Amino acid sequence: EARKLARILLRSARYGALAVLDPATGFPFASRVL
């Protein structure tokens, strides 16, 4: 049941928040992506 919910949350998302590591500062950087 948990796996199914996780798959639906991922596959039904039109967009999400993406966090990466900024190479210039080393700080986490979050942005919205399709």
Full PDB file with SEQRES, HELIX, SHEET, SSBOND, CRYST1, ORIGX, SCALE, CONECT and MASTER records, all heavy atoms in Angstrom:
SEQRES   1 A   34  GLU ALA ARG LYS LEU ALA ARG ILE LEU LEU ARG SER ALA          
SEQRES   2 A   34  ARG TYR GLY ALA LEU ALA VAL LEU ASP PRO ALA THR GLY          
SEQRES   3 A   34  PHE PRO PHE ALA SER ARG VAL LEU                              
HELIX    1 AA1 ALA A    2  ARG A   11  1                                  10    
SHEET    1 AA1 2 GLY A  16  LEU A  21  0                                        
SHEET    2 AA1 2 PRO A  28  VAL A  33 -1                                        
CRYST1    1.000    1.000    1.000  90.00  90.00  90.00 P 1           1          
ORIGX1      1.000000  0.000000  0.000000        0.00000                         
ORIGX2      0.000000  1.000000  0.000000        0.00000                         
ORIGX3      0.000000  0.000000  1.000000        0.00000                         
SCALE1      1.000000  0.000000  0.000000        0.00000                         
SCALE2      0.000000  1.000000  0.000000        0.00000                         
SCALE3      0.000000  0.000000  1.000000        0.00000                         
ATOM      1  N   GLU A   1       0.831  -1.209   0.000  1.00  0.00           N  
ATOM      2  CA  GLU A   1       0.000   0.000   0.000  1.00  0.00           C  
ATOM      3  C   GLU A   1       0.865   1.258   0.000  1.00  0.00           C  
ATOM      4  O   GLU A   1       0.580   2.226  -0.713  1.00  0.00           O  
ATOM      5  CB  GLU A   1      -0.924  -0.002   1.213  1.00  0.00           C  
ATOM      6  CG  GLU A   1      -1.853   1.207   1.279  1.00  0.00           C  
ATOM      7  CD  GLU A   1      -2.758   1.196   2.491  1.00  0.00           C  
ATOM      8  OE1 GLU A   1      -2.739   0.196   3.238  1.00  0.00           O  
ATOM      9  OE2 GLU A   1      -3.479   2.191   2.700  1.00  0.00           O  
ATOM     10  N   ALA A   2       1.950   1.233   0.794  1.00  0.00           N  
ATOM     11  CA  ALA A   2       2.859   2.383   0.830  1.00  0.00           C  
ATOM     12  C   ALA A   2       3.581   2.535  -0.508  1.00  0.00           C  
ATOM     13  O   ALA A   2       3.758   3.659  -0.999  1.00  0.00           O  
ATOM     14  CB  ALA A   2       3.868   2.210   1.960  1.00  0.00           C  
ATOM     15  N   ARG A   3       3.999   1.433  -1.085  1.00  0.00           N  
ATOM     16  CA  ARG A   3       4.691   1.493  -2.385  1.00  0.00           C  
ATOM     17  C   ARG A   3       3.769   2.075  -3.460  1.00  0.00           C  
ATOM     18  O   ARG A   3       4.181   2.888  -4.296  1.00  0.00           O  
ATOM     19  CB  ARG A   3       5.185   0.107  -2.790  1.00  0.00           C  
ATOM     20  CG  ARG A   3       6.269  -0.459  -1.871  1.00  0.00           C  
ATOM     21  CD  ARG A   3       6.789  -1.783  -2.404  1.00  0.00           C  
ATOM     22  NE  ARG A   3       7.759  -2.371  -1.493  1.00  0.00           N  
ATOM     23  CZ  ARG A   3       7.464  -3.284  -0.573  1.00  0.00           C  
ATOM     24  NH1 ARG A   3       6.201  -3.719  -0.452  1.00  0.00           N  
ATOM     25  NH2 ARG A   3       8.393  -3.764   0.229  1.00  0.00           N  
ATOM     26  N   LYS A   4       2.514   1.652  -3.446  1.00  0.00           N  
ATOM     27  CA  LYS A   4       1.556   2.156  -4.445  1.00  0.00           C  
ATOM     28  C   LYS A   4       1.333   3.648  -4.273  1.00  0.00           C  
ATOM     29  O   LYS A   4       1.317   4.400  -5.255  1.00  0.00           O  
ATOM     30  CB  LYS A   4       0.236   1.403  -4.327  1.00  0.00           C  
ATOM     31  CG  LYS A   4      -0.807   1.855  -5.354  1.00  0.00           C  
ATOM     32  CD  LYS A   4      -2.081   1.054  -5.236  1.00  0.00           C  
ATOM     33  CE  LYS A   4      -3.110   1.505  -6.275  1.00  0.00           C  
ATOM     34  NZ  LYS A   4      -4.366   0.725  -6.174  1.00  0.00           N  
ATOM     35  N   LEU A   5       1.170   4.103  -3.037  1.00  0.00           N  
ATOM     36  CA  LEU A   5       0.993   5.531  -2.789  1.00  0.00           C  
ATOM     37  C   LEU A   5       2.205   6.311  -3.269  1.00  0.00           C  
ATOM     38  O   LEU A   5       2.066   7.369  -3.896  1.00  0.00           O  
ATOM     39  CB  LEU A   5       0.756   5.777  -1.298  1.00  0.00           C  
ATOM     40  CG  LEU A   5       0.667   7.252  -0.869  1.00  0.00           C  
ATOM     41  CD1 LEU A   5      -0.443   7.979  -1.608  1.00  0.00           C  
ATOM     42  CD2 LEU A   5       0.466   7.343   0.651  1.00  0.00           C  
ATOM     43  N   ALA A   6       3.399   5.802  -3.008  1.00  0.00           N  
ATOM     44  CA  ALA A   6       4.615   6.485  -3.442  1.00  0.00           C  
ATOM     45  C   ALA A   6       4.678   6.583  -4.956  1.00  0.00           C  
ATOM     46  O   ALA A   6       5.009   7.637  -5.518  1.00  0.00           O  
ATOM     47  CB  ALA A   6       5.841   5.751  -2.907  1.00  0.00           C  
ATOM     48  N   ARG A   7       4.333   5.490  -5.635  1.00  0.00           N  
ATOM     49  CA  ARG A   7       4.363   5.509  -7.100  1.00  0.00           C  
ATOM     50  C   ARG A   7       3.365   6.516  -7.659  1.00  0.00           C  
ATOM     51  O   ARG A   7       3.655   7.235  -8.622  1.00  0.00           O  
ATOM     52  CB  ARG A   7       4.077   4.104  -7.637  1.00  0.00           C  
ATOM     53  CG  ARG A   7       5.158   3.081  -7.331  1.00  0.00           C  
ATOM     54  CD  ARG A   7       4.968   1.815  -8.144  1.00  0.00           C  
ATOM     55  NE  ARG A   7       3.728   1.118  -7.823  1.00  0.00           N  
ATOM     56  CZ  ARG A   7       3.624   0.101  -6.971  1.00  0.00           C  
ATOM     57  NH1 ARG A   7       4.707  -0.313  -6.304  1.00  0.00           N  
ATOM     58  NH2 ARG A   7       2.472  -0.501  -6.762  1.00  0.00           N  
ATOM     59  N   ILE A   8       2.187   6.581  -7.058  1.00  0.00           N  
ATOM     60  CA  ILE A   8       1.168   7.518  -7.533  1.00  0.00           C  
ATOM     61  C   ILE A   8       1.609   8.959  -7.293  1.00  0.00           C  
ATOM     62  O   ILE A   8       1.440   9.829  -8.157  1.00  0.00           O  
ATOM     63  CB  ILE A   8      -0.182   7.227  -6.850  1.00  0.00           C  
ATOM     64  CG1 ILE A   8      -0.749   5.909  -7.371  1.00  0.00           C  
ATOM     65  CG2 ILE A   8      -1.173   8.368  -7.079  1.00  0.00           C  
ATOM     66  CD1 ILE A   8      -2.019   5.456  -6.668  1.00  0.00           C  
ATOM     67  N   LEU A   9       2.184   9.239  -6.133  1.00  0.00           N  
ATOM     68  CA  LEU A   9       2.666  10.595  -5.841  1.00  0.00           C  
ATOM     69  C   LEU A   9       3.731  11.030  -6.841  1.00  0.00           C  
ATOM     70  O   LEU A   9       3.795  12.200  -7.231  1.00  0.00           O  
ATOM     71  CB  LEU A   9       3.229  10.665  -4.423  1.00  0.00           C  
ATOM     72  CG  LEU A   9       2.220  10.605  -3.284  1.00  0.00           C  
ATOM     73  CD1 LEU A   9       2.944  10.483  -1.947  1.00  0.00           C  
ATOM     74  CD2 LEU A   9       1.311  11.820  -3.288  1.00  0.00           C  
ATOM     75  N   LEU A  10       4.564  10.107  -7.262  1.00  0.00           N  
ATOM     76  CA  LEU A  10       5.636  10.429  -8.200  1.00  0.00           C  
ATOM     77  C   LEU A  10       5.105  10.549  -9.628  1.00  0.00           C  
ATOM     78  O   LEU A  10       5.428  11.497 -10.343  1.00  0.00           O  
ATOM     79  CB  LEU A  10       6.722   9.353  -8.134  1.00  0.00           C  
ATOM     80  CG  LEU A  10       8.004   9.631  -8.911  1.00  0.00           C  
ATOM     81  CD1 LEU A  10       8.683  10.897  -8.407  1.00  0.00           C  
ATOM     82  CD2 LEU A  10       8.954   8.440  -8.814  1.00  0.00           C  
ATOM     83  N   ARG A  11       4.260   9.614 -10.031  1.00  0.00           N  
ATOM     84  CA  ARG A  11       3.836   9.551 -11.434  1.00  0.00           C  
ATOM     85  C   ARG A  11       2.687  10.491 -11.776  1.00  0.00           C  
ATOM     86  O   ARG A  11       2.439  10.754 -12.953  1.00  0.00           O  
ATOM     87  CB  ARG A  11       3.475   8.106 -11.794  1.00  0.00           C  
ATOM     88  CG  ARG A  11       4.682   7.180 -11.711  1.00  0.00           C  
ATOM     89  CD  ARG A  11       4.325   5.723 -11.841  1.00  0.00           C  
ATOM     90  NE  ARG A  11       5.488   4.893 -11.508  1.00  0.00           N  
ATOM     91  CZ  ARG A  11       5.440   3.581 -11.335  1.00  0.00           C  
ATOM     92  NH1 ARG A  11       4.282   2.935 -11.449  1.00  0.00           N  
ATOM     93  NH2 ARG A  11       6.537   2.913 -11.031  1.00  0.00           N  
ATOM     94  N   SER A  12       1.988  10.986 -10.767  1.00  0.00           N  
ATOM     95  CA  SER A  12       0.893  11.916 -11.033  1.00  0.00           C  
ATOM     96  C   SER A  12       1.315  13.368 -10.900  1.00  0.00           C  
ATOM     97  O   SER A  12       0.508  14.278 -11.105  1.00  0.00           O  
ATOM     98  CB  SER A  12      -0.286  11.639 -10.087  1.00  0.00           C  
ATOM     99  OG  SER A  12       0.082  11.881  -8.736  1.00  0.00           O  
ATOM    100  N   ALA A  13       2.567  13.612 -10.572  1.00  0.00           N  
ATOM    101  CA  ALA A  13       3.041  14.986 -10.350  1.00  0.00           C  
ATOM    102  C   ALA A  13       3.336  15.683 -11.674  1.00  0.00           C  
ATOM    103  O   ALA A  13       4.109  15.176 -12.489  1.00  0.00           O  
ATOM    104  CB  ALA A  13       4.292  14.972  -9.468  1.00  0.00           C  
ATOM    105  N   ARG A  14       2.748  16.842 -11.885  1.00  0.00           N  
ATOM    106  CA  ARG A  14       3.057  17.655 -13.060  1.00  0.00           C  
ATOM    107  C   ARG A  14       4.350  18.435 -12.855  1.00  0.00           C  
ATOM    108  O   ARG A  14       5.020  18.815 -13.815  1.00  0.00           O  
ATOM    109  CB  ARG A  14       1.934  18.639 -13.354  1.00  0.00           C  
ATOM    110  CG  ARG A  14       0.627  17.999 -13.775  1.00  0.00           C  
ATOM    111  CD  ARG A  14      -0.446  19.040 -14.056  1.00  0.00           C  
ATOM    112  NE  ARG A  14      -0.061  19.904 -15.164  1.00  0.00           N  
ATOM    113  CZ  ARG A  14       0.212  21.195 -15.035  1.00  0.00           C  
ATOM    114  NH1 ARG A  14       0.200  21.772 -13.842  1.00  0.00           N  
ATOM    115  NH2 ARG A  14       0.530  21.925 -16.087  1.00  0.00           N  
ATOM    116  N   TYR A  15       4.672  18.695 -11.607  1.00  0.00           N  
ATOM    117  CA  TYR A  15       5.888  19.431 -11.268  1.00  0.00           C  
ATOM    118  C   TYR A  15       6.344  18.982  -9.883  1.00  0.00           C  
ATOM    119  O   TYR A  15       5.626  18.276  -9.160  1.00  0.00           O  
ATOM    120  CB  TYR A  15       5.639  20.948 -11.277  1.00  0.00           C  
ATOM    121  CG  TYR A  15       4.591  21.396 -10.303  1.00  0.00           C  
ATOM    122  CD1 TYR A  15       4.912  21.719  -8.990  1.00  0.00           C  
ATOM    123  CD2 TYR A  15       3.258  21.486 -10.691  1.00  0.00           C  
ATOM    124  CE1 TYR A  15       3.951  22.119  -8.084  1.00  0.00           C  
ATOM    125  CE2 TYR A  15       2.280  21.888  -9.802  1.00  0.00           C  
ATOM    126  CZ  TYR A  15       2.626  22.200  -8.498  1.00  0.00           C  
ATOM    127  OH  TYR A  15       1.667  22.584  -7.611  1.00  0.00           O  
ATOM    128  N   GLY A  16       7.549  19.383  -9.526  1.00  0.00           N  
ATOM    129  CA  GLY A  16       8.071  19.035  -8.212  1.00  0.00           C  
ATOM    130  C   GLY A  16       9.140  20.023  -7.801  1.00  0.00           C  
ATOM    131  O   GLY A  16       9.539  20.899  -8.583  1.00  0.00           O  
ATOM    132  N   ALA A  17       9.598  19.888  -6.578  1.00  0.00           N  
ATOM    133  CA  ALA A  17      10.706  20.706  -6.081  1.00  0.00           C  
ATOM    134  C   ALA A  17      11.982  19.877  -6.183  1.00  0.00           C  
ATOM    135  O   ALA A  17      12.063  18.783  -5.625  1.00  0.00           O  
ATOM    136  CB  ALA A  17      10.462  21.133  -4.638  1.00  0.00           C  
ATOM    137  N   LEU A  18      12.952  20.378  -6.926  1.00  0.00           N  
ATOM    138  CA  LEU A  18      14.218  19.686  -7.132  1.00  0.00           C  
ATOM    139  C   LEU A  18      15.302  20.373  -6.324  1.00  0.00           C  
ATOM    140  O   LEU A  18      15.520  21.585  -6.451  1.00  0.00           O  
ATOM    141  CB  LEU A  18      14.592  19.691  -8.614  1.00  0.00           C  
ATOM    142  CG  LEU A  18      15.890  18.969  -8.971  1.00  0.00           C  
ATOM    143  CD1 LEU A  18      15.688  17.455  -8.876  1.00  0.00           C  
ATOM    144  CD2 LEU A  18      16.356  19.356 -10.374  1.00  0.00           C  
ATOM    145  N   ALA A  19      15.990  19.604  -5.480  1.00  0.00           N  
ATOM    146  CA  ALA A  19      17.094  20.148  -4.677  1.00  0.00           C  
ATOM    147  C   ALA A  19      18.409  19.574  -5.203  1.00  0.00           C  
ATOM    148  O   ALA A  19      18.536  18.361  -5.403  1.00  0.00           O  
ATOM    149  CB  ALA A  19      16.922  19.810  -3.205  1.00  0.00           C  
ATOM    150  N   VAL A  20      19.374  20.454  -5.430  1.00  0.00           N  
ATOM    151  CA  VAL A  20      20.696  20.073  -5.929  1.00  0.00           C  
ATOM    152  C   VAL A  20      21.743  20.770  -5.065  1.00  0.00           C  
ATOM    153  O   VAL A  20      21.407  21.542  -4.166  1.00  0.00           O  
ATOM    154  CB  VAL A  20      20.865  20.487  -7.414  1.00  0.00           C  
ATOM    155  CG1 VAL A  20      19.905  19.708  -8.302  1.00  0.00           C  
ATOM    156  CG2 VAL A  20      20.633  21.995  -7.582  1.00  0.00           C  
ATOM    157  N   LEU A  21      22.999  20.483  -5.350  1.00  0.00           N  
ATOM    158  CA  LEU A  21      24.097  21.144  -4.646  1.00  0.00           C  
ATOM    159  C   LEU A  21      24.728  22.180  -5.565  1.00  0.00           C  
ATOM    160  O   LEU A  21      25.290  21.843  -6.608  1.00  0.00           O  
ATOM    161  CB  LEU A  21      25.141  20.115  -4.198  1.00  0.00           C  
ATOM    162  CG  LEU A  21      24.654  19.100  -3.169  1.00  0.00           C  
ATOM    163  CD1 LEU A  21      25.729  18.046  -2.897  1.00  0.00           C  
ATOM    164  CD2 LEU A  21      24.261  19.802  -1.870  1.00  0.00           C  
ATOM    165  N   ASP A  22      24.620  23.438  -5.180  1.00  0.00           N  
ATOM    166  CA  ASP A  22      25.153  24.535  -5.985  1.00  0.00           C  
ATOM    167  C   ASP A  22      26.674  24.421  -6.035  1.00  0.00           C  
ATOM    168  O   ASP A  22      27.344  24.506  -5.007  1.00  0.00           O  
ATOM    169  CB  ASP A  22      24.742  25.866  -5.351  1.00  0.00           C  
ATOM    170  CG  ASP A  22      25.086  27.060  -6.222  1.00  0.00           C  
ATOM    171  OD1 ASP A  22      26.013  26.962  -7.047  1.00  0.00           O  
ATOM    172  OD2 ASP A  22      24.432  28.106  -6.077  1.00  0.00           O  
ATOM    173  N   PRO A  23      27.260  24.221  -7.227  1.00  0.00           N  
ATOM    174  CA  PRO A  23      28.720  24.044  -7.300  1.00  0.00           C  
ATOM    175  C   PRO A  23      29.497  25.302  -6.907  1.00  0.00           C  
ATOM    176  O   PRO A  23      30.658  25.214  -6.527  1.00  0.00           O  
ATOM    177  CB  PRO A  23      28.950  23.687  -8.776  1.00  0.00           C  
ATOM    178  CG  PRO A  23      27.772  24.248  -9.496  1.00  0.00           C  
ATOM    179  CD  PRO A  23      26.622  24.135  -8.540  1.00  0.00           C  
ATOM    180  N   ALA A  24      28.848  26.443  -6.979  1.00  0.00           N  
ATOM    181  CA  ALA A  24      29.546  27.684  -6.664  1.00  0.00           C  
ATOM    182  C   ALA A  24      29.673  27.905  -5.162  1.00  0.00           C  
ATOM    183  O   ALA A  24      30.654  28.487  -4.683  1.00  0.00           O  
ATOM    184  CB  ALA A  24      28.821  28.876  -7.296  1.00  0.00           C  
ATOM    185  N   THR A  25      28.681  27.430  -4.392  1.00  0.00           N  
ATOM    186  CA  THR A  25      28.660  27.702  -2.956  1.00  0.00           C  
ATOM    187  C   THR A  25      28.661  26.445  -2.095  1.00  0.00           C  
ATOM    188  O   THR A  25      28.992  26.510  -0.905  1.00  0.00           O  
ATOM    189  CB  THR A  25      27.410  28.520  -2.589  1.00  0.00           C  
ATOM    190  OG1 THR A  25      26.239  27.719  -2.821  1.00  0.00           O  
ATOM    191  CG2 THR A  25      27.329  29.794  -3.418  1.00  0.00           C  
ATOM    192  N   GLY A  26      28.271  25.313  -2.674  1.00  0.00           N  
ATOM    193  CA  GLY A  26      28.140  24.080  -1.907  1.00  0.00           C  
ATOM    194  C   GLY A  26      26.836  23.978  -1.140  1.00  0.00           C  
ATOM    195  O   GLY A  26      26.549  22.949  -0.523  1.00  0.00           O  
ATOM    196  N   PHE A  27      26.023  25.030  -1.181  1.00  0.00           N  
ATOM    197  CA  PHE A  27      24.752  25.017  -0.463  1.00  0.00           C  
ATOM    198  C   PHE A  27      23.683  24.275  -1.265  1.00  0.00           C  
ATOM    199  O   PHE A  27      23.700  24.278  -2.507  1.00  0.00           O  
ATOM    200  CB  PHE A  27      24.263  26.447  -0.218  1.00  0.00           C  
ATOM    201  CG  PHE A  27      24.837  27.086   1.004  1.00  0.00           C  
ATOM    202  CD1 PHE A  27      26.048  27.759   0.943  1.00  0.00           C  
ATOM    203  CD2 PHE A  27      24.170  27.013   2.222  1.00  0.00           C  
ATOM    204  CE1 PHE A  27      26.593  28.354   2.075  1.00  0.00           C  
ATOM    205  CE2 PHE A  27      24.706  27.600   3.356  1.00  0.00           C  
ATOM    206  CZ  PHE A  27      25.923  28.273   3.285  1.00  0.00           C  
ATOM    207  N   PRO A  28      22.708  23.662  -0.584  1.00  0.00           N  
ATOM    208  CA  PRO A  28      21.560  23.100  -1.297  1.00  0.00           C  
ATOM    209  C   PRO A  28      20.808  24.209  -2.031  1.00  0.00           C  
ATOM    210  O   PRO A  28      20.671  25.324  -1.516  1.00  0.00           O  
ATOM    211  CB  PRO A  28      20.706  22.488  -0.183  1.00  0.00           C  
ATOM    212  CG  PRO A  28      21.652  22.263   0.948  1.00  0.00           C  
ATOM    213  CD  PRO A  28      22.658  23.376   0.859  1.00  0.00           C  
ATOM    214  N   PHE A  29      20.346  23.889  -3.217  1.00  0.00           N  
ATOM    215  CA  PHE A  29      19.599  24.844  -4.038  1.00  0.00           C  
ATOM    216  C   PHE A  29      18.340  24.142  -4.515  1.00  0.00           C  
ATOM    217  O   PHE A  29      18.403  23.086  -5.143  1.00  0.00           O  
ATOM    218  CB  PHE A  29      20.446  25.300  -5.229  1.00  0.00           C  
ATOM    219  CG  PHE A  29      19.734  26.257  -6.154  1.00  0.00           C  
ATOM    220  CD1 PHE A  29      19.801  27.626  -5.946  1.00  0.00           C  
ATOM    221  CD2 PHE A  29      19.005  25.786  -7.238  1.00  0.00           C  
ATOM    222  CE1 PHE A  29      19.144  28.514  -6.793  1.00  0.00           C  
ATOM    223  CE2 PHE A  29      18.352  26.668  -8.093  1.00  0.00           C  
ATOM    224  CZ  PHE A  29      18.417  28.035  -7.877  1.00  0.00           C  
ATOM    225  N   ALA A  30      17.176  24.707  -4.217  1.00  0.00           N  
ATOM    226  CA  ALA A  30      15.899  24.097  -4.587  1.00  0.00           C  
ATOM    227  C   ALA A  30      15.200  24.939  -5.641  1.00  0.00           C  
ATOM    228  O   ALA A  30      15.238  26.176  -5.602  1.00  0.00           O  
ATOM    229  CB  ALA A  30      15.005  23.940  -3.361  1.00  0.00           C  
ATOM    230  N   SER A  31      14.562  24.255  -6.577  1.00  0.00           N  
ATOM    231  CA  SER A  31      13.867  24.942  -7.651  1.00  0.00           C  
ATOM    232  C   SER A  31      12.680  24.103  -8.092  1.00  0.00           C  
ATOM    233  O   SER A  31      12.633  22.892  -7.856  1.00  0.00           O  
ATOM    234  CB  SER A  31      14.820  25.166  -8.835  1.00  0.00           C  
ATOM    235  OG  SER A  31      14.180  25.876  -9.874  1.00  0.00           O  
ATOM    236  N   ARG A  32      11.710  24.737  -8.723  1.00  0.00           N  
ATOM    237  CA  ARG A  32      10.548  24.013  -9.247  1.00  0.00           C  
ATOM    238  C   ARG A  32      10.825  23.588 -10.684  1.00  0.00           C  
ATOM    239  O   ARG A  32      11.335  24.361 -11.492  1.00  0.00           O  
ATOM    240  CB  ARG A  32       9.301  24.894  -9.200  1.00  0.00           C  
ATOM    241  CG  ARG A  32       8.045  24.223  -9.743  1.00  0.00           C  
ATOM    242  CD  ARG A  32       6.831  25.121  -9.591  1.00  0.00           C  
ATOM    243  NE  ARG A  32       6.532  25.332  -8.190  1.00  0.00           N  
ATOM    244  CZ  ARG A  32       5.835  26.381  -7.734  1.00  0.00           C  
ATOM    245  NH1 ARG A  32       5.429  27.310  -8.575  1.00  0.00           N  
ATOM    246  NH2 ARG A  32       5.589  26.484  -6.447  1.00  0.00           N  
ATOM    247  N   VAL A  33      10.474  22.334 -10.998  1.00  0.00           N  
ATOM    248  CA  VAL A  33      10.692  21.796 -12.337  1.00  0.00           C  
ATOM    249  C   VAL A  33       9.442  21.064 -12.802  1.00  0.00           C  
ATOM    250  O   VAL A  33       8.682  20.509 -12.000  1.00  0.00           O  
ATOM    251  CB  VAL A  33      11.893  20.816 -12.369  1.00  0.00           C  
ATOM    252  CG1 VAL A  33      13.204  21.562 -12.151  1.00  0.00           C  
ATOM    253  CG2 VAL A  33      11.727  19.710 -11.329  1.00  0.00           C  
ATOM    254  N   LEU A  34       9.218  21.079 -14.118  1.00  0.00           N  
ATOM    255  CA  LEU A  34       8.167  20.256 -14.705  1.00  0.00           C  
ATOM    256  C   LEU A  34       8.620  18.805 -14.689  1.00  0.00           C  
ATOM    257  O   LEU A  34       9.802  18.507 -14.901  1.00  0.00           O  
ATOM    258  CB  LEU A  34       7.882  20.681 -16.144  1.00  0.00           C  
ATOM    259  CG  LEU A  34       7.215  22.030 -16.368  1.00  0.00           C  
ATOM    260  CD1 LEU A  34       6.962  22.233 -17.858  1.00  0.00           C  
ATOM    261  CD2 LEU A  34       5.919  22.154 -15.591  1.00  0.00           C  
TER     262      LEU A  34                                                      
MASTER        0    0    0    1    2    0    0    6  261    1    0    3          
END                                                                             
